[in-house]
Structures are given as C-alpha cells and as structure tokens.
Amino acid sequence: MTKVEQHREICERLNQLYAAKNKDYGDSFGDSFQEYGLIMPSVRLDDKLHRFKQLIKQEAEVKDESITDTLMDLANYAIMTIIEIENKA
C-alpha cells in the first residue's frame, strides 16, 4: 500500500469515527463553536495534545486510549474546526 492509499484509508476511518460520534453526540461541536468561537476548539485540541504527550510518557501503562485513538481525535477536531470556519464564511 502506498502512503497516498494509506492516507485515504485513514481519512475514511476518520470519517467513520466522526459519523459514529456525531450520531451519539449530535452536533455538540458545532453548537459549542457557534457559542464560543475558535476558543472552544483551541481548548479541545490542547486537551488532546496534552493527552498525546501523557501517552508518550506512559505508553505501556495506559490501556483505555491508544496513541492512535488520540491522534484520530486530534485530526477530527482539526477537520471539524475547518468545517465550522468554512460554514461561517
């Protein structure tokens, strides 16, 4: 598999994860964005980045969330922020 194909596959997994969480939570991200603006995703992205840093330090000890899970969440939060910015314009 080429890296381009691998990128496409990861993006497809990101979309599936986004759809599943959106079904569970509704558009809470979009609603919060409308209320708080760019500060809200900044905080969420920072929380996930902090989580990523903690996982790197304690990789063997953490069982409930993997580094990949955290990076997938970070990527989706970034994409969701872009969606809100583009929809606002």
PDB file of N, CA and C in Angstrom:
ATOM      1  N   MET A   1       0.845  -1.168   0.000  1.00  0.00           N
ATOM      2  CA  MET A   1       0.000   0.000   0.000  1.00  0.00           C
ATOM      3  C   MET A   1       0.901   1.246   0.000  1.00  0.00           C
ATOM      4  N   THR A   2       0.601   2.164  -0.901  1.00  0.00           N
ATOM      5  CA  THR A   2       1.376   3.404  -0.938  1.00  0.00           C
ATOM      6  C   THR A   2       0.936   4.309   0.218  1.00  0.00           C
ATOM      7  N   LYS A   3       1.735   5.322   0.488  1.00  0.00           N
ATOM      8  CA  LYS A   3       1.369   6.264   1.545  1.00  0.00           C
ATOM      9  C   LYS A   3       0.120   7.062   1.169  1.00  0.00           C
ATOM     10  N   VAL A   4      -0.068   7.323  -0.112  1.00  0.00           N
ATOM     11  CA  VAL A   4      -1.288   8.013  -0.558  1.00  0.00           C
ATOM     12  C   VAL A   4      -2.510   7.130  -0.278  1.00  0.00           C
ATOM     13  N   GLU A   5      -2.408   5.847  -0.577  1.00  0.00           N
ATOM     14  CA  GLU A   5      -3.503   4.917  -0.295  1.00  0.00           C
ATOM     15  C   GLU A   5      -3.739   4.787   1.210  1.00  0.00           C
ATOM     16  N   GLN A   6      -2.656   4.750   1.959  1.00  0.00           N
ATOM     17  CA  GLN A   6      -2.762   4.655   3.414  1.00  0.00           C
ATOM     18  C   GLN A   6      -3.438   5.916   3.973  1.00  0.00           C
ATOM     19  N   HIS A   7      -3.085   7.074   3.436  1.00  0.00           N
ATOM     20  CA  HIS A   7      -3.708   8.335   3.855  1.00  0.00           C
ATOM     21  C   HIS A   7      -5.209   8.284   3.597  1.00  0.00           C
ATOM     22  N   ARG A   8      -5.595   7.819   2.413  1.00  0.00           N
ATOM     23  CA  ARG A   8      -7.017   7.716   2.070  1.00  0.00           C
ATOM     24  C   ARG A   8      -7.741   6.783   3.038  1.00  0.00           C
ATOM     25  N   GLU A   9      -7.129   5.674   3.365  1.00  0.00           N
ATOM     26  CA  GLU A   9      -7.739   4.704   4.284  1.00  0.00           C
ATOM     27  C   GLU A   9      -7.910   5.315   5.677  1.00  0.00           C
ATOM     28  N   ILE A  10      -6.908   6.038   6.150  1.00  0.00           N
ATOM     29  CA  ILE A  10      -7.013   6.695   7.460  1.00  0.00           C
ATOM     30  C   ILE A  10      -8.105   7.758   7.427  1.00  0.00           C
ATOM     31  N   CYS A  11      -8.185   8.520   6.355  1.00  0.00           N
ATOM     32  CA  CYS A  11      -9.236   9.535   6.223  1.00  0.00           C
ATOM     33  C   CYS A  11     -10.622   8.893   6.223  1.00  0.00           C
ATOM     34  N   GLU A  12     -10.750   7.738   5.622  1.00  0.00           N
ATOM     35  CA  GLU A  12     -12.027   7.013   5.640  1.00  0.00           C
ATOM     36  C   GLU A  12     -12.373   6.576   7.064  1.00  0.00           C
ATOM     37  N   ARG A  13     -11.369   6.109   7.811  1.00  0.00           N
ATOM     38  CA  ARG A  13     -11.600   5.739   9.218  1.00  0.00           C
ATOM     39  C   ARG A  13     -11.967   6.967  10.043  1.00  0.00           C
ATOM     40  N   LEU A  14     -11.313   8.093   9.761  1.00  0.00           N
ATOM     41  CA  LEU A  14     -11.659   9.339  10.452  1.00  0.00           C
ATOM     42  C   LEU A  14     -13.120   9.693  10.211  1.00  0.00           C
ATOM     43  N   ASN A  15     -13.567   9.557   8.972  1.00  0.00           N
ATOM     44  CA  ASN A  15     -14.948   9.892   8.637  1.00  0.00           C
ATOM     45  C   ASN A  15     -15.929   8.946   9.330  1.00  0.00           C
ATOM     46  N   GLN A  16     -15.602   7.664   9.379  1.00  0.00           N
ATOM     47  CA  GLN A  16     -16.465   6.698  10.061  1.00  0.00           C
ATOM     48  C   GLN A  16     -16.556   7.014  11.555  1.00  0.00           C
ATOM     49  N   LEU A  17     -15.426   7.370  12.153  1.00  0.00           N
ATOM     50  CA  LEU A  17     -15.406   7.739  13.567  1.00  0.00           C
ATOM     51  C   LEU A  17     -16.222   9.006  13.798  1.00  0.00           C
ATOM     52  N   TYR A  18     -16.057   9.994  12.920  1.00  0.00           N
ATOM     53  CA  TYR A  18     -16.817  11.241  13.003  1.00  0.00           C
ATOM     54  C   TYR A  18     -18.319  10.965  12.912  1.00  0.00           C
ATOM     55  N   ALA A  19     -18.725  10.148  11.961  1.00  0.00           N
ATOM     56  CA  ALA A  19     -20.145   9.831  11.779  1.00  0.00           C
ATOM     57  C   ALA A  19     -20.709   9.125  13.012  1.00  0.00           C
ATOM     58  N   ALA A  20     -19.971   8.186  13.565  1.00  0.00           N
ATOM     59  CA  ALA A  20     -20.435   7.447  14.737  1.00  0.00           C
ATOM     60  C   ALA A  20     -20.576   8.361  15.949  1.00  0.00           C
ATOM     61  N   LYS A  21     -19.576   9.202  16.178  1.00  0.00           N
ATOM     62  CA  LYS A  21     -19.639  10.104  17.330  1.00  0.00           C
ATOM     63  C   LYS A  21     -20.698  11.178  17.122  1.00  0.00           C
ATOM     64  N   ASN A  22     -20.872  11.634  15.892  1.00  0.00           N
ATOM     65  CA  ASN A  22     -21.892  12.644  15.615  1.00  0.00           C
ATOM     66  C   ASN A  22     -23.283  12.061  15.858  1.00  0.00           C
ATOM     67  N   LYS A  23     -23.445  10.771  15.566  1.00  0.00           N
ATOM     68  CA  LYS A  23     -24.724  10.097  15.824  1.00  0.00           C
ATOM     69  C   LYS A  23     -24.991  10.043  17.324  1.00  0.00           C
ATOM     70  N   ASP A  24     -23.942   9.773  18.108  1.00  0.00           N
ATOM     71  CA  ASP A  24     -24.087   9.670  19.562  1.00  0.00           C
ATOM     72  C   ASP A  24     -24.280  11.036  20.231  1.00  0.00           C
ATOM     73  N   TYR A  25     -23.513  12.036  19.779  1.00  0.00           N
ATOM     74  CA  TYR A  25     -23.481  13.332  20.462  1.00  0.00           C
ATOM     75  C   TYR A  25     -24.234  14.436  19.743  1.00  0.00           C
ATOM     76  N   GLY A  26     -24.702  14.181  18.531  1.00  0.00           N
ATOM     77  CA  GLY A  26     -25.294  15.262  17.751  1.00  0.00           C
ATOM     78  C   GLY A  26     -24.201  16.234  17.340  1.00  0.00           C
ATOM     79  N   ASP A  27     -24.586  17.448  17.015  1.00  0.00           N
ATOM     80  CA  ASP A  27     -23.597  18.436  16.576  1.00  0.00           C
ATOM     81  C   ASP A  27     -23.156  19.316  17.740  1.00  0.00           C
ATOM     82  N   SER A  28     -22.776  18.688  18.847  1.00  0.00           N
ATOM     83  CA  SER A  28     -22.360  19.453  20.023  1.00  0.00           C
ATOM     84  C   SER A  28     -21.135  20.319  19.724  1.00  0.00           C
ATOM     85  N   PHE A  29     -20.240  19.835  18.866  1.00  0.00           N
ATOM     86  CA  PHE A  29     -19.061  20.613  18.497  1.00  0.00           C
ATOM     87  C   PHE A  29     -19.489  21.896  17.782  1.00  0.00           C
ATOM     88  N   GLY A  30     -20.361  21.754  16.785  1.00  0.00           N
ATOM     89  CA  GLY A  30     -20.832  22.916  16.031  1.00  0.00           C
ATOM     90  C   GLY A  30     -21.596  23.890  16.912  1.00  0.00           C
ATOM     91  N   ASP A  31     -22.426  23.356  17.800  1.00  0.00           N
ATOM     92  CA  ASP A  31     -23.177  24.216  18.712  1.00  0.00           C
ATOM     93  C   ASP A  31     -22.237  24.997  19.631  1.00  0.00           C
ATOM     94  N   SER A  32     -21.243  24.304  20.177  1.00  0.00           N
ATOM     95  CA  SER A  32     -20.271  24.974  21.053  1.00  0.00           C
ATOM     96  C   SER A  32     -19.439  25.990  20.279  1.00  0.00           C
ATOM     97  N   PHE A  33     -19.101  25.651  19.034  1.00  0.00           N
ATOM     98  CA  PHE A  33     -18.341  26.586  18.205  1.00  0.00           C
ATOM     99  C   PHE A  33     -19.136  27.867  17.983  1.00  0.00           C
ATOM    100  N   GLN A  34     -20.425  27.716  17.711  1.00  0.00           N
ATOM    101  CA  GLN A  34     -21.275  28.896  17.492  1.00  0.00           C
ATOM    102  C   GLN A  34     -21.325  29.769  18.740  1.00  0.00           C
ATOM    103  N   GLU A  35     -21.300  29.141  19.894  1.00  0.00           N
ATOM    104  CA  GLU A  35     -21.391  29.895  21.144  1.00  0.00           C
ATOM    105  C   GLU A  35     -20.057  30.525  21.549  1.00  0.00           C
ATOM    106  N   TYR A  36     -18.948  29.790  21.383  1.00  0.00           N
ATOM    107  CA  TYR A  36     -17.662  30.233  21.912  1.00  0.00           C
ATOM    108  C   TYR A  36     -16.617  30.601  20.864  1.00  0.00           C
ATOM    109  N   GLY A  37     -16.869  30.293  19.607  1.00  0.00           N
ATOM    110  CA  GLY A  37     -15.909  30.612  18.556  1.00  0.00           C
ATOM    111  C   GLY A  37     -14.673  29.734  18.618  1.00  0.00           C
ATOM    112  N   LEU A  38     -13.570  30.262  18.109  1.00  0.00           N
ATOM    113  CA  LEU A  38     -12.333  29.482  17.978  1.00  0.00           C
ATOM    114  C   LEU A  38     -11.687  29.103  19.303  1.00  0.00           C
ATOM    115  N   ILE A  39     -12.096  29.738  20.376  1.00  0.00           N
ATOM    116  CA  ILE A  39     -11.547  29.361  21.684  1.00  0.00           C
ATOM    117  C   ILE A  39     -11.904  27.908  22.018  1.00  0.00           C
ATOM    118  N   MET A  40     -13.135  27.515  21.709  1.00  0.00           N
ATOM    119  CA  MET A  40     -13.592  26.167  22.049  1.00  0.00           C
ATOM    120  C   MET A  40     -12.738  25.077  21.392  1.00  0.00           C
ATOM    121  N   PRO A  41     -12.550  25.097  20.066  1.00  0.00           N
ATOM    122  CA  PRO A  41     -11.711  24.025  19.504  1.00  0.00           C
ATOM    123  C   PRO A  41     -10.257  24.129  19.954  1.00  0.00           C
ATOM    124  N   SER A  42      -9.809  25.342  20.236  1.00  0.00           N
ATOM    125  CA  SER A  42      -8.446  25.501  20.741  1.00  0.00           C
ATOM    126  C   SER A  42      -8.261  24.731  22.046  1.00  0.00           C
ATOM    127  N   VAL A  43      -9.245  24.817  22.926  1.00  0.00           N
ATOM    128  CA  VAL A  43      -9.178  24.103  24.205  1.00  0.00           C
ATOM    129  C   VAL A  43      -9.240  22.594  23.975  1.00  0.00           C
ATOM    130  N   ARG A  44     -10.160  22.149  23.126  1.00  0.00           N
ATOM    131  CA  ARG A  44     -10.276  20.701  22.870  1.00  0.00           C
ATOM    132  C   ARG A  44      -9.010  20.134  22.231  1.00  0.00           C
ATOM    133  N   LEU A  45      -8.456  20.863  21.271  1.00  0.00           N
ATOM    134  CA  LEU A  45      -7.219  20.406  20.632  1.00  0.00           C
ATOM    135  C   LEU A  45      -6.070  20.374  21.642  1.00  0.00           C
ATOM    136  N   ASP A  46      -6.020  21.386  22.499  1.00  0.00           N
ATOM    137  CA  ASP A  46      -4.971  21.431  23.520  1.00  0.00           C
ATOM    138  C   ASP A  46      -5.114  20.267  24.498  1.00  0.00           C
ATOM    139  N   ASP A  47      -6.348  19.951  24.893  1.00  0.00           N
ATOM    140  CA  ASP A  47      -6.578  18.805  25.787  1.00  0.00           C
ATOM    141  C   ASP A  47      -6.084  17.509  25.153  1.00  0.00           C
ATOM    142  N   LYS A  48      -6.405  17.318  23.874  1.00  0.00           N
ATOM    143  CA  LYS A  48      -5.978  16.093  23.186  1.00  0.00           C
ATOM    144  C   LYS A  48      -4.462  16.063  23.003  1.00  0.00           C
ATOM    145  N   LEU A  49      -3.861  17.208  22.724  1.00  0.00           N
ATOM    146  CA  LEU A  49      -2.404  17.255  22.592  1.00  0.00           C
ATOM    147  C   LEU A  49      -1.742  16.919  23.927  1.00  0.00           C
ATOM    148  N   HIS A  50      -2.309  17.441  25.014  1.00  0.00           N
ATOM    149  CA  HIS A  50      -1.797  17.101  26.341  1.00  0.00           C
ATOM    150  C   HIS A  50      -1.923  15.597  26.586  1.00  0.00           C
ATOM    151  N   ARG A  51      -3.063  15.030  26.197  1.00  0.00           N
ATOM    152  CA  ARG A  51      -3.275  13.585  26.346  1.00  0.00           C
ATOM    153  C   ARG A  51      -2.238  12.800  25.548  1.00  0.00           C
ATOM    154  N   PHE A  52      -1.955  13.252  24.324  1.00  0.00           N
ATOM    155  CA  PHE A  52      -0.938  12.622  23.478  1.00  0.00           C
ATOM    156  C   PHE A  52       0.421  12.626  24.178  1.00  0.00           C
ATOM    157  N   LYS A  53       0.790  13.759  24.748  1.00  0.00           N
ATOM    158  CA  LYS A  53       2.073  13.869  25.450  1.00  0.00           C
ATOM    159  C   LYS A  53       2.129  12.924  26.644  1.00  0.00           C
ATOM    160  N   GLN A  54       1.010  12.813  27.370  1.00  0.00           N
ATOM    161  CA  GLN A  54       0.966  11.891  28.506  1.00  0.00           C
ATOM    162  C   GLN A  54       1.088  10.442  28.048  1.00  0.00           C
ATOM    163  N   LEU A  55       0.429  10.107  26.951  1.00  0.00           N
ATOM    164  CA  LEU A  55       0.503   8.742  26.433  1.00  0.00           C
ATOM    165  C   LEU A  55       1.922   8.381  26.002  1.00  0.00           C
ATOM    166  N   ILE A  56       2.639   9.335  25.447  1.00  0.00           N
ATOM    167  CA  ILE A  56       4.024   9.078  25.041  1.00  0.00           C
ATOM    168  C   ILE A  56       4.866   8.722  26.269  1.00  0.00           C
ATOM    169  N   LYS A  57       4.638   9.449  27.347  1.00  0.00           N
ATOM    170  CA  LYS A  57       5.410   9.221  28.580  1.00  0.00           C
ATOM    171  C   LYS A  57       5.052   7.904  29.253  1.00  0.00           C
ATOM    172  N   GLN A  58       3.774   7.497  29.146  1.00  0.00           N
ATOM    173  CA  GLN A  58       3.285   6.343  29.902  1.00  0.00           C
ATOM    174  C   GLN A  58       2.708   5.266  29.000  1.00  0.00           C
ATOM    175  N   GLU A  59       3.200   5.140  27.801  1.00  0.00           N
ATOM    176  CA  GLU A  59       2.582   4.270  26.798  1.00  0.00           C
ATOM    177  C   GLU A  59       2.238   2.882  27.323  1.00  0.00           C
ATOM    178  N   ALA A  60       3.147   2.270  28.029  1.00  0.00           N
ATOM    179  CA  ALA A  60       2.908   0.903  28.485  1.00  0.00           C
ATOM    180  C   ALA A  60       1.842   0.824  29.573  1.00  0.00           C
ATOM    181  N   GLU A  61       1.613   1.921  30.293  1.00  0.00           N
ATOM    182  CA  GLU A  61       0.694   1.909  31.425  1.00  0.00           C
ATOM    183  C   GLU A  61      -0.754   2.196  31.030  1.00  0.00           C
ATOM    184  N   VAL A  62      -0.975   2.823  29.884  1.00  0.00           N
ATOM    185  CA  VAL A  62      -2.315   3.281  29.519  1.00  0.00           C
ATOM    186  C   VAL A  62      -3.025   2.211  28.699  1.00  0.00           C
ATOM    187  N   LYS A  63      -4.225   1.837  29.145  1.00  0.00           N
ATOM    188  CA  LYS A  63      -4.957   0.776  28.465  1.00  0.00           C
ATOM    189  C   LYS A  63      -6.249   1.278  27.809  1.00  0.00           C
ATOM    190  N   ASP A  64      -6.818   2.399  28.307  1.00  0.00           N
ATOM    191  CA  ASP A  64      -8.147   2.808  27.849  1.00  0.00           C
ATOM    192  C   ASP A  64      -8.142   3.628  26.566  1.00  0.00           C
ATOM    193  N   GLU A  65      -7.023   4.226  26.204  1.00  0.00           N
ATOM    194  CA  GLU A  65      -6.962   5.029  24.985  1.00  0.00           C
ATOM    195  C   GLU A  65      -5.560   4.928  24.401  1.00  0.00           C
ATOM    196  N   SER A  66      -5.483   4.613  23.116  1.00  0.00           N
ATOM    197  CA  SER A  66      -4.176   4.453  22.491  1.00  0.00           C
ATOM    198  C   SER A  66      -3.703   5.780  21.897  1.00  0.00           C
ATOM    199  N   ILE A  67      -2.445   5.820  21.553  1.00  0.00           N
ATOM    200  CA  ILE A  67      -1.892   6.990  20.874  1.00  0.00           C
ATOM    201  C   ILE A  67      -2.641   7.211  19.566  1.00  0.00           C
ATOM    202  N   THR A  68      -2.925   6.144  18.847  1.00  0.00           N
ATOM    203  CA  THR A  68      -3.658   6.276  17.582  1.00  0.00           C
ATOM    204  C   THR A  68      -5.046   6.855  17.811  1.00  0.00           C
ATOM    205  N   ASP A  69      -5.757   6.394  18.843  1.00  0.00           N
ATOM    206  CA  ASP A  69      -7.082   6.948  19.158  1.00  0.00           C
ATOM    207  C   ASP A  69      -6.995   8.459  19.389  1.00  0.00           C
ATOM    208  N   THR A  70      -6.008   8.867  20.146  1.00  0.00           N
ATOM    209  CA  THR A  70      -5.845  10.285  20.465  1.00  0.00           C
ATOM    210  C   THR A  70      -5.519  11.088  19.215  1.00  0.00           C
ATOM    211  N   LEU A  71      -4.645  10.565  18.365  1.00  0.00           N
ATOM    212  CA  LEU A  71      -4.305  11.268  17.125  1.00  0.00           C
ATOM    213  C   LEU A  71      -5.498  11.339  16.181  1.00  0.00           C
ATOM    214  N   MET A  72      -6.307  10.289  16.158  1.00  0.00           N
ATOM    215  CA  MET A  72      -7.523  10.319  15.337  1.00  0.00           C
ATOM    216  C   MET A  72      -8.470  11.408  15.842  1.00  0.00           C
ATOM    217  N   ASP A  73      -8.618  11.512  17.161  1.00  0.00           N
ATOM    218  CA  ASP A  73      -9.457  12.567  17.729  1.00  0.00           C
ATOM    219  C   ASP A  73      -8.902  13.952  17.391  1.00  0.00           C
ATOM    220  N   LEU A  74      -7.596  14.114  17.509  1.00  0.00           N
ATOM    221  CA  LEU A  74      -6.962  15.393  17.154  1.00  0.00           C
ATOM    222  C   LEU A  74      -7.243  15.760  15.702  1.00  0.00           C
ATOM    223  N   ALA A  75      -7.074  14.788  14.821  1.00  0.00           N
ATOM    224  CA  ALA A  75      -7.312  15.033  13.392  1.00  0.00           C
ATOM    225  C   ALA A  75      -8.769  15.410  13.151  1.00  0.00           C
ATOM    226  N   ASN A  76      -9.694  14.688  13.775  1.00  0.00           N
ATOM    227  CA  ASN A  76     -11.107  15.002  13.584  1.00  0.00           C
ATOM    228  C   ASN A  76     -11.452  16.371  14.157  1.00  0.00           C
ATOM    229  N   TYR A  77     -10.910  16.718  15.321  1.00  0.00           N
ATOM    230  CA  TYR A  77     -11.161  18.060  15.869  1.00  0.00           C
ATOM    231  C   TYR A  77     -10.649  19.141  14.919  1.00  0.00           C
ATOM    232  N   ALA A  78      -9.486  18.923  14.317  1.00  0.00           N
ATOM    233  CA  ALA A  78      -8.949  19.894  13.356  1.00  0.00           C
ATOM    234  C   ALA A  78      -9.876  20.021  12.144  1.00  0.00           C
ATOM    235  N   ILE A  79     -10.318  18.895  11.620  1.00  0.00           N
ATOM    236  CA  ILE A  79     -11.224  18.909  10.463  1.00  0.00           C
ATOM    237  C   ILE A  79     -12.557  19.560  10.828  1.00  0.00           C
ATOM    238  N   MET A  80     -13.087  19.230  11.995  1.00  0.00           N
ATOM    239  CA  MET A  80     -14.350  19.817  12.433  1.00  0.00           C
ATOM    240  C   MET A  80     -14.230  21.335  12.579  1.00  0.00           C
ATOM    241  N   THR A  81     -13.084  21.794  13.024  1.00  0.00           N
ATOM    242  CA  THR A  81     -12.847  23.239  13.136  1.00  0.00           C
ATOM    243  C   THR A  81     -12.831  23.881  11.762  1.00  0.00           C
ATOM    244  N   ILE A  82     -12.180  23.240  10.806  1.00  0.00           N
ATOM    245  CA  ILE A  82     -12.165  23.750   9.430  1.00  0.00           C
ATOM    246  C   ILE A  82     -13.592  23.824   8.881  1.00  0.00           C
ATOM    247  N   ILE A  83     -14.396  22.791   9.137  1.00  0.00           N
ATOM    248  CA  ILE A  83     -15.793  22.788   8.682  1.00  0.00           C
ATOM    249  C   ILE A  83     -16.531  23.995   9.248  1.00  0.00           C
ATOM    250  N   GLU A  84     -16.376  24.242  10.546  1.00  0.00           N
ATOM    251  CA  GLU A  84     -17.073  25.375  11.172  1.00  0.00           C
ATOM    252  C   GLU A  84     -16.594  26.708  10.607  1.00  0.00           C
ATOM    253  N   ILE A  85     -15.299  26.839  10.385  1.00  0.00           N
ATOM    254  CA  ILE A  85     -14.751  28.080   9.802  1.00  0.00           C
ATOM    255  C   ILE A  85     -15.309  28.290   8.402  1.00  0.00           C
ATOM    256  N   GLU A  86     -15.305  27.220   7.599  1.00  0.00           N
ATOM    257  CA  GLU A  86     -15.801  27.340   6.225  1.00  0.00           C
ATOM    258  C   GLU A  86     -17.310  27.597   6.183  1.00  0.00           C
ATOM    259  N   ASN A  87     -18.062  27.018   7.094  1.00  0.00           N
ATOM    260  CA  ASN A  87     -19.508  27.234   7.128  1.00  0.00           C
ATOM    261  C   ASN A  87     -19.866  28.627   7.632  1.00  0.00           C
ATOM    262  N   LYS A  88     -18.976  29.202   8.421  1.00  0.00           N
ATOM    263  CA  LYS A  88     -19.194  30.546   8.964  1.00  0.00           C
ATOM    264  C   LYS A  88     -18.981  31.606   7.890  1.00  0.00           C
ATOM    265  N   ALA A  89     -18.077  31.307   6.936  1.00  0.00           N
ATOM    266  CA  ALA A  89     -17.715  32.289   5.902  1.00  0.00           C
ATOM    267  C   ALA A  89     -18.827  32.529   4.906  1.00  0.00           C
TER     268      ALA A  89
END
